[in-house]
N, C-alpha and C. Protein backbone atom coordinates (compact mmCIF):
# COMPACT_ATOMS: atom_id res chain seq x y z
N MET A 1 90.17 107.19 95.59
CA MET A 1 89.56 105.97 96.09
C MET A 1 88.17 106.31 96.62
N VAL A 2 87.38 105.29 96.73
CA VAL A 2 86.03 105.49 97.23
C VAL A 2 86.08 105.78 98.73
N VAL A 3 85.02 106.36 99.24
CA VAL A 3 84.92 106.64 100.67
C VAL A 3 84.92 105.31 101.43
N GLY A 4 85.71 105.23 102.49
CA GLY A 4 85.79 104.02 103.30
C GLY A 4 86.65 102.92 102.69
N ALA A 5 87.56 103.29 101.79
CA ALA A 5 88.39 102.29 101.10
C ALA A 5 89.19 101.43 102.07
N ASP A 6 89.69 102.01 103.15
CA ASP A 6 90.46 101.24 104.12
C ASP A 6 89.65 100.10 104.71
N TYR A 7 88.37 100.35 104.94
CA TYR A 7 87.50 99.34 105.55
C TYR A 7 87.12 98.24 104.57
N LEU A 8 87.31 98.50 103.29
CA LEU A 8 86.97 97.52 102.25
C LEU A 8 88.16 96.68 101.81
N GLN A 9 89.36 97.03 102.25
CA GLN A 9 90.57 96.36 101.77
C GLN A 9 90.52 94.86 101.99
N HIS A 10 89.96 94.42 103.12
CA HIS A 10 89.93 92.99 103.41
C HIS A 10 89.06 92.20 102.43
N THR A 11 88.23 92.89 101.66
CA THR A 11 87.35 92.20 100.69
C THR A 11 88.03 92.05 99.32
N ILE A 12 89.22 92.62 99.16
CA ILE A 12 89.94 92.62 97.88
C ILE A 12 91.11 91.65 97.95
N ASN A 13 91.33 90.91 96.88
CA ASN A 13 92.45 89.98 96.80
C ASN A 13 93.77 90.74 96.71
N ASN A 14 94.71 90.41 97.60
CA ASN A 14 96.04 91.02 97.57
C ASN A 14 96.89 90.24 96.57
N GLN A 15 97.37 90.92 95.53
CA GLN A 15 98.18 90.28 94.51
C GLN A 15 99.68 90.42 94.80
N ALA A 16 100.01 91.02 95.92
CA ALA A 16 101.41 91.19 96.29
C ALA A 16 101.81 90.16 97.33
N LYS A 17 103.11 90.01 97.48
CA LYS A 17 103.67 89.07 98.45
C LYS A 17 104.35 89.86 99.56
N GLY A 18 104.01 89.57 100.78
CA GLY A 18 104.66 90.24 101.90
C GLY A 18 103.80 91.33 102.51
N HIS A 19 104.46 92.36 103.02
CA HIS A 19 103.80 93.38 103.82
C HIS A 19 103.33 94.59 103.02
N ILE A 20 102.92 94.37 101.80
CA ILE A 20 102.34 95.44 100.99
C ILE A 20 101.03 94.93 100.40
N PHE A 21 100.20 95.86 99.97
CA PHE A 21 98.92 95.48 99.36
C PHE A 21 98.86 96.06 97.96
N LYS A 22 98.63 95.19 96.97
CA LYS A 22 98.48 95.63 95.59
C LYS A 22 97.42 94.78 94.91
N ASN A 23 96.60 95.43 94.12
CA ASN A 23 95.65 94.75 93.26
C ASN A 23 95.51 95.61 92.02
N HIS A 24 95.89 95.09 90.87
CA HIS A 24 95.92 95.88 89.64
C HIS A 24 94.55 96.34 89.18
N ASN A 25 93.50 95.68 89.62
CA ASN A 25 92.14 96.08 89.26
C ASN A 25 91.33 96.39 90.51
N ASP A 26 91.95 97.07 91.45
CA ASP A 26 91.31 97.38 92.73
C ASP A 26 90.02 98.17 92.49
N PRO A 27 88.87 97.58 92.84
CA PRO A 27 87.60 98.26 92.58
C PRO A 27 87.36 99.50 93.46
N ARG A 28 88.20 99.72 94.44
CA ARG A 28 88.05 100.89 95.31
C ARG A 28 88.58 102.16 94.65
N ILE A 29 89.34 102.00 93.57
CA ILE A 29 89.92 103.15 92.88
C ILE A 29 88.91 103.68 91.86
N THR A 30 88.62 104.97 91.95
CA THR A 30 87.68 105.59 91.02
C THR A 30 88.34 105.79 89.66
N CYS A 31 87.56 106.14 88.66
CA CYS A 31 88.10 106.41 87.32
C CYS A 31 89.11 107.55 87.37
N VAL A 32 88.79 108.59 88.12
CA VAL A 32 89.71 109.73 88.26
C VAL A 32 90.98 109.27 88.97
N GLY A 33 90.83 108.48 90.01
CA GLY A 33 91.97 107.96 90.75
C GLY A 33 92.87 107.09 89.89
N ARG A 34 92.28 106.28 89.04
CA ARG A 34 93.05 105.41 88.14
C ARG A 34 93.89 106.27 87.18
N PHE A 35 93.27 107.34 86.66
CA PHE A 35 94.00 108.27 85.78
C PHE A 35 95.14 108.95 86.54
N LEU A 36 94.86 109.42 87.74
CA LEU A 36 95.89 110.10 88.53
C LEU A 36 97.06 109.16 88.82
N ARG A 37 96.78 107.92 89.14
CA ARG A 37 97.86 106.96 89.41
C ARG A 37 98.65 106.62 88.16
N ARG A 38 97.95 106.39 87.06
CA ARG A 38 98.61 106.01 85.81
C ARG A 38 99.55 107.12 85.33
N THR A 39 99.17 108.37 85.56
CA THR A 39 99.98 109.51 85.12
C THR A 39 100.91 110.03 86.22
N SER A 40 100.85 109.42 87.40
CA SER A 40 101.64 109.81 88.58
C SER A 40 101.29 111.19 89.11
N LEU A 41 100.18 111.75 88.67
CA LEU A 41 99.74 113.04 89.22
C LEU A 41 99.34 112.93 90.68
N ASP A 42 99.06 111.71 91.15
CA ASP A 42 98.71 111.52 92.56
C ASP A 42 99.90 111.79 93.48
N GLU A 43 101.09 111.90 92.92
CA GLU A 43 102.29 112.17 93.72
C GLU A 43 102.49 113.67 93.98
N LEU A 44 101.86 114.52 93.21
CA LEU A 44 102.09 115.96 93.34
C LEU A 44 101.84 116.52 94.75
N PRO A 45 100.79 116.10 95.46
CA PRO A 45 100.60 116.64 96.82
C PRO A 45 101.76 116.34 97.77
N GLN A 46 102.54 115.32 97.47
CA GLN A 46 103.67 114.99 98.35
C GLN A 46 104.78 116.04 98.30
N PHE A 47 104.77 116.88 97.27
CA PHE A 47 105.77 117.96 97.23
C PHE A 47 105.58 118.90 98.41
N TRP A 48 104.37 119.03 98.90
CA TRP A 48 104.11 119.82 100.10
C TRP A 48 104.88 119.23 101.29
N ASN A 49 104.87 117.90 101.40
CA ASN A 49 105.61 117.23 102.48
C ASN A 49 107.11 117.45 102.33
N VAL A 50 107.60 117.53 101.10
CA VAL A 50 109.02 117.82 100.86
C VAL A 50 109.33 119.24 101.32
N LEU A 51 108.49 120.19 100.96
CA LEU A 51 108.70 121.58 101.36
C LEU A 51 108.67 121.75 102.88
N ARG A 52 107.85 120.95 103.54
CA ARG A 52 107.76 121.00 105.01
C ARG A 52 108.92 120.27 105.69
N GLY A 53 109.73 119.56 104.91
CA GLY A 53 110.88 118.85 105.46
C GLY A 53 110.55 117.47 106.01
N GLU A 54 109.35 116.99 105.77
CA GLU A 54 108.94 115.68 106.27
C GLU A 54 109.35 114.55 105.33
N MET A 55 109.58 114.91 104.07
CA MET A 55 109.99 113.93 103.07
C MET A 55 111.12 114.53 102.25
N SER A 56 111.76 113.66 101.50
CA SER A 56 112.79 114.05 100.55
C SER A 56 112.27 113.76 99.14
N LEU A 57 112.91 114.30 98.13
CA LEU A 57 112.53 113.93 96.77
C LEU A 57 112.85 112.47 96.51
N VAL A 58 114.01 112.00 97.01
CA VAL A 58 114.44 110.62 96.81
C VAL A 58 114.63 109.97 98.17
N GLY A 59 114.15 108.75 98.29
CA GLY A 59 114.28 108.00 99.54
C GLY A 59 113.45 106.74 99.45
N THR A 60 113.10 106.21 100.59
CA THR A 60 112.22 105.05 100.61
C THR A 60 110.77 105.52 100.69
N ARG A 61 109.86 104.73 100.18
CA ARG A 61 108.45 105.09 100.27
C ARG A 61 107.99 104.94 101.72
N PRO A 62 107.22 105.90 102.22
CA PRO A 62 106.74 105.76 103.59
C PRO A 62 105.73 104.61 103.68
N PRO A 63 105.89 103.75 104.67
CA PRO A 63 104.96 102.63 104.81
C PRO A 63 103.66 103.06 105.49
N THR A 64 102.66 102.23 105.34
CA THR A 64 101.41 102.47 106.08
C THR A 64 101.56 101.89 107.48
N LEU A 65 100.70 102.28 108.39
CA LEU A 65 100.76 101.74 109.75
C LEU A 65 100.53 100.23 109.75
N GLY A 66 99.64 99.77 108.87
CA GLY A 66 99.37 98.34 108.77
C GLY A 66 100.59 97.55 108.34
N GLU A 67 101.39 98.13 107.45
CA GLU A 67 102.62 97.46 107.00
C GLU A 67 103.64 97.39 108.13
N VAL A 68 103.82 98.50 108.83
CA VAL A 68 104.82 98.57 109.89
C VAL A 68 104.52 97.58 111.02
N LYS A 69 103.27 97.35 111.30
CA LYS A 69 102.89 96.41 112.36
C LYS A 69 103.38 95.00 112.07
N LYS A 70 103.63 94.69 110.80
CA LYS A 70 104.06 93.34 110.40
C LYS A 70 105.57 93.25 110.19
N TYR A 71 106.31 94.34 110.38
CA TYR A 71 107.74 94.34 110.11
C TYR A 71 108.49 93.40 111.03
N THR A 72 109.54 92.79 110.49
CA THR A 72 110.53 92.08 111.30
C THR A 72 111.78 92.96 111.33
N SER A 73 112.79 92.52 112.04
CA SER A 73 113.94 93.40 112.31
C SER A 73 114.60 93.97 111.06
N HIS A 74 114.81 93.18 110.02
CA HIS A 74 115.53 93.72 108.86
C HIS A 74 114.69 94.71 108.05
N HIS A 75 113.38 94.67 108.19
CA HIS A 75 112.53 95.62 107.47
C HIS A 75 112.70 97.04 107.99
N TRP A 76 113.02 97.19 109.27
CA TRP A 76 113.16 98.51 109.87
C TRP A 76 114.32 99.29 109.27
N GLN A 77 115.33 98.60 108.75
CA GLN A 77 116.50 99.27 108.19
C GLN A 77 116.13 100.17 107.01
N ARG A 78 115.07 99.82 106.29
CA ARG A 78 114.68 100.63 105.15
C ARG A 78 114.18 102.01 105.58
N LEU A 79 113.87 102.16 106.85
CA LEU A 79 113.35 103.43 107.37
C LEU A 79 114.44 104.28 108.02
N ASP A 80 115.71 103.88 107.84
CA ASP A 80 116.82 104.64 108.43
C ASP A 80 117.06 105.97 107.74
N ILE A 81 116.40 106.19 106.61
CA ILE A 81 116.53 107.47 105.91
C ILE A 81 115.14 108.09 105.76
N LYS A 82 115.15 109.37 105.44
CA LYS A 82 113.90 110.09 105.25
C LYS A 82 113.13 109.51 104.06
N PRO A 83 111.83 109.35 104.19
CA PRO A 83 111.05 108.84 103.05
C PRO A 83 111.09 109.81 101.89
N GLY A 84 110.91 109.27 100.69
CA GLY A 84 110.97 110.10 99.50
C GLY A 84 109.82 109.83 98.54
N ILE A 85 109.64 110.76 97.62
CA ILE A 85 108.60 110.61 96.60
C ILE A 85 108.99 109.53 95.61
N THR A 86 110.26 109.48 95.27
CA THR A 86 110.76 108.45 94.35
C THR A 86 111.95 107.77 95.00
N GLY A 87 112.35 106.68 94.40
CA GLY A 87 113.48 105.95 94.95
C GLY A 87 113.88 104.81 94.05
N GLU A 88 114.68 103.94 94.61
CA GLU A 88 115.24 102.83 93.85
C GLU A 88 114.16 101.92 93.26
N TRP A 89 113.18 101.53 94.06
CA TRP A 89 112.20 100.58 93.51
C TRP A 89 111.19 101.25 92.59
N GLN A 90 110.96 102.54 92.74
CA GLN A 90 110.07 103.22 91.80
C GLN A 90 110.71 103.32 90.42
N THR A 91 112.03 103.41 90.37
CA THR A 91 112.71 103.55 89.08
C THR A 91 113.15 102.21 88.51
N ASN A 92 113.00 101.15 89.26
CA ASN A 92 113.41 99.82 88.79
C ASN A 92 112.25 98.83 88.83
N GLY A 93 111.09 99.28 88.48
CA GLY A 93 109.95 98.37 88.43
C GLY A 93 108.64 99.03 88.77
N ARG A 94 108.71 100.10 89.53
CA ARG A 94 107.53 100.88 89.88
C ARG A 94 106.44 99.99 90.43
N SER A 95 105.25 100.07 89.92
CA SER A 95 104.12 99.32 90.43
C SER A 95 104.18 97.84 90.11
N CYS A 96 105.08 97.45 89.21
CA CYS A 96 105.16 96.05 88.80
C CYS A 96 105.83 95.17 89.85
N ILE A 97 106.57 95.75 90.78
CA ILE A 97 107.21 94.95 91.82
C ILE A 97 106.16 94.63 92.88
N THR A 98 105.91 93.34 93.06
CA THR A 98 104.85 92.92 93.97
C THR A 98 105.36 92.10 95.14
N ASP A 99 106.67 92.01 95.31
CA ASP A 99 107.25 91.27 96.42
C ASP A 99 107.90 92.26 97.38
N PHE A 100 107.38 92.32 98.59
CA PHE A 100 107.87 93.27 99.58
C PHE A 100 109.36 93.09 99.85
N GLU A 101 109.84 91.86 99.88
CA GLU A 101 111.26 91.63 100.15
C GLU A 101 112.13 92.23 99.05
N GLU A 102 111.64 92.26 97.82
CA GLU A 102 112.38 92.89 96.72
C GLU A 102 112.43 94.41 96.94
N ILE A 103 111.34 94.98 97.41
CA ILE A 103 111.30 96.42 97.72
C ILE A 103 112.31 96.74 98.83
N VAL A 104 112.33 95.92 99.86
CA VAL A 104 113.28 96.13 100.96
C VAL A 104 114.71 96.04 100.44
N ARG A 105 114.99 95.03 99.60
CA ARG A 105 116.33 94.86 99.03
C ARG A 105 116.74 96.10 98.24
N LEU A 106 115.83 96.62 97.41
CA LEU A 106 116.14 97.81 96.62
C LEU A 106 116.33 99.04 97.50
N ASP A 107 115.51 99.19 98.53
CA ASP A 107 115.65 100.33 99.44
C ASP A 107 116.98 100.28 100.18
N LEU A 108 117.39 99.11 100.63
CA LEU A 108 118.67 98.99 101.32
C LEU A 108 119.84 99.21 100.36
N ALA A 109 119.69 98.77 99.11
CA ALA A 109 120.73 99.02 98.10
C ALA A 109 120.86 100.52 97.85
N TYR A 110 119.73 101.24 97.83
CA TYR A 110 119.78 102.69 97.65
C TYR A 110 120.58 103.35 98.78
N GLN A 111 120.35 102.92 100.00
CA GLN A 111 121.06 103.50 101.13
C GLN A 111 122.57 103.32 100.98
N GLN A 112 122.98 102.18 100.43
CA GLN A 112 124.42 101.92 100.24
C GLN A 112 125.00 102.78 99.13
N LYS A 113 124.21 103.08 98.10
CA LYS A 113 124.68 103.82 96.92
C LYS A 113 124.50 105.33 97.06
N TRP A 114 123.86 105.79 98.13
CA TRP A 114 123.43 107.18 98.21
C TRP A 114 124.57 108.16 97.93
N SER A 115 124.25 109.15 97.13
CA SER A 115 125.09 110.33 96.92
C SER A 115 124.20 111.36 96.25
N VAL A 116 124.61 112.60 96.24
CA VAL A 116 123.83 113.64 95.59
C VAL A 116 123.70 113.34 94.10
N SER A 117 124.79 112.89 93.49
CA SER A 117 124.71 112.59 92.06
C SER A 117 123.80 111.40 91.78
N TYR A 118 123.78 110.41 92.68
CA TYR A 118 122.88 109.26 92.47
C TYR A 118 121.42 109.70 92.63
N ASP A 119 121.15 110.59 93.59
CA ASP A 119 119.79 111.14 93.72
C ASP A 119 119.37 111.88 92.45
N LEU A 120 120.27 112.67 91.90
CA LEU A 120 119.95 113.38 90.65
C LEU A 120 119.69 112.39 89.51
N HIS A 121 120.46 111.32 89.47
CA HIS A 121 120.25 110.26 88.48
C HIS A 121 118.85 109.66 88.64
N LEU A 122 118.44 109.35 89.88
CA LEU A 122 117.12 108.75 90.12
C LEU A 122 115.99 109.73 89.80
N ILE A 123 116.19 111.01 90.06
CA ILE A 123 115.18 112.02 89.73
C ILE A 123 114.99 112.09 88.22
N LEU A 124 116.09 112.13 87.48
CA LEU A 124 116.01 112.14 86.01
C LEU A 124 115.36 110.86 85.49
N LYS A 125 115.76 109.73 86.04
CA LYS A 125 115.19 108.44 85.63
C LYS A 125 113.68 108.41 85.93
N THR A 126 113.28 108.94 87.08
CA THR A 126 111.86 109.01 87.44
C THR A 126 111.09 109.85 86.43
N PHE A 127 111.65 111.00 86.09
CA PHE A 127 110.99 111.88 85.12
C PHE A 127 110.77 111.14 83.79
N LEU A 128 111.81 110.45 83.31
CA LEU A 128 111.70 109.73 82.04
C LEU A 128 110.68 108.59 82.12
N ILE A 129 110.63 107.91 83.26
CA ILE A 129 109.68 106.81 83.44
C ILE A 129 108.25 107.33 83.44
N VAL A 130 108.02 108.43 84.14
CA VAL A 130 106.67 109.01 84.22
C VAL A 130 106.23 109.52 82.85
N VAL A 131 107.11 110.22 82.15
CA VAL A 131 106.78 110.75 80.82
C VAL A 131 106.47 109.62 79.83
N ASN A 132 107.25 108.54 79.91
CA ASN A 132 107.06 107.42 79.00
C ASN A 132 106.06 106.38 79.51
N LYS A 133 105.54 106.61 80.72
CA LYS A 133 104.54 105.73 81.34
C LYS A 133 105.02 104.28 81.47
N HIS A 134 106.30 104.10 81.81
CA HIS A 134 106.84 102.77 82.02
C HIS A 134 106.57 102.32 83.45
N GLY A 135 106.21 101.06 83.60
CA GLY A 135 106.06 100.46 84.92
C GLY A 135 104.80 100.83 85.66
N ALA A 136 103.89 101.53 85.05
CA ALA A 136 102.63 101.87 85.71
C ALA A 136 101.65 100.72 85.51
N CYS A 137 101.91 99.63 86.20
CA CYS A 137 101.09 98.43 86.04
C CYS A 137 99.68 98.62 86.58
């Protein structure tokens, strides 16, 4: 992203519904950044957070501070588990899901279904989605 992207966010139209921000043609994203996002290479640095124990491979996506400030009581439940690089909504729509309540629903469904085998299933599914470039809207 360009320098000062956070300060420019208010000038960009939010195409998402709820407590997330998405714009498919966000002008703050550089050409290199667009490539990194499309190929999911922008996720690689998060493996450092996994090694440090701050994140898991599978879980809910960590929210931004701006998102958390707008949470109501049921939104907090999605944070009852360690954040992850991939998860239920990344494998069932990825960037195409633009409704925050749908993301919350998927995150809570993941918590109910959690098991080691289900995490392995989501990791494999994530790999196939990234390789086939599905859902990178």
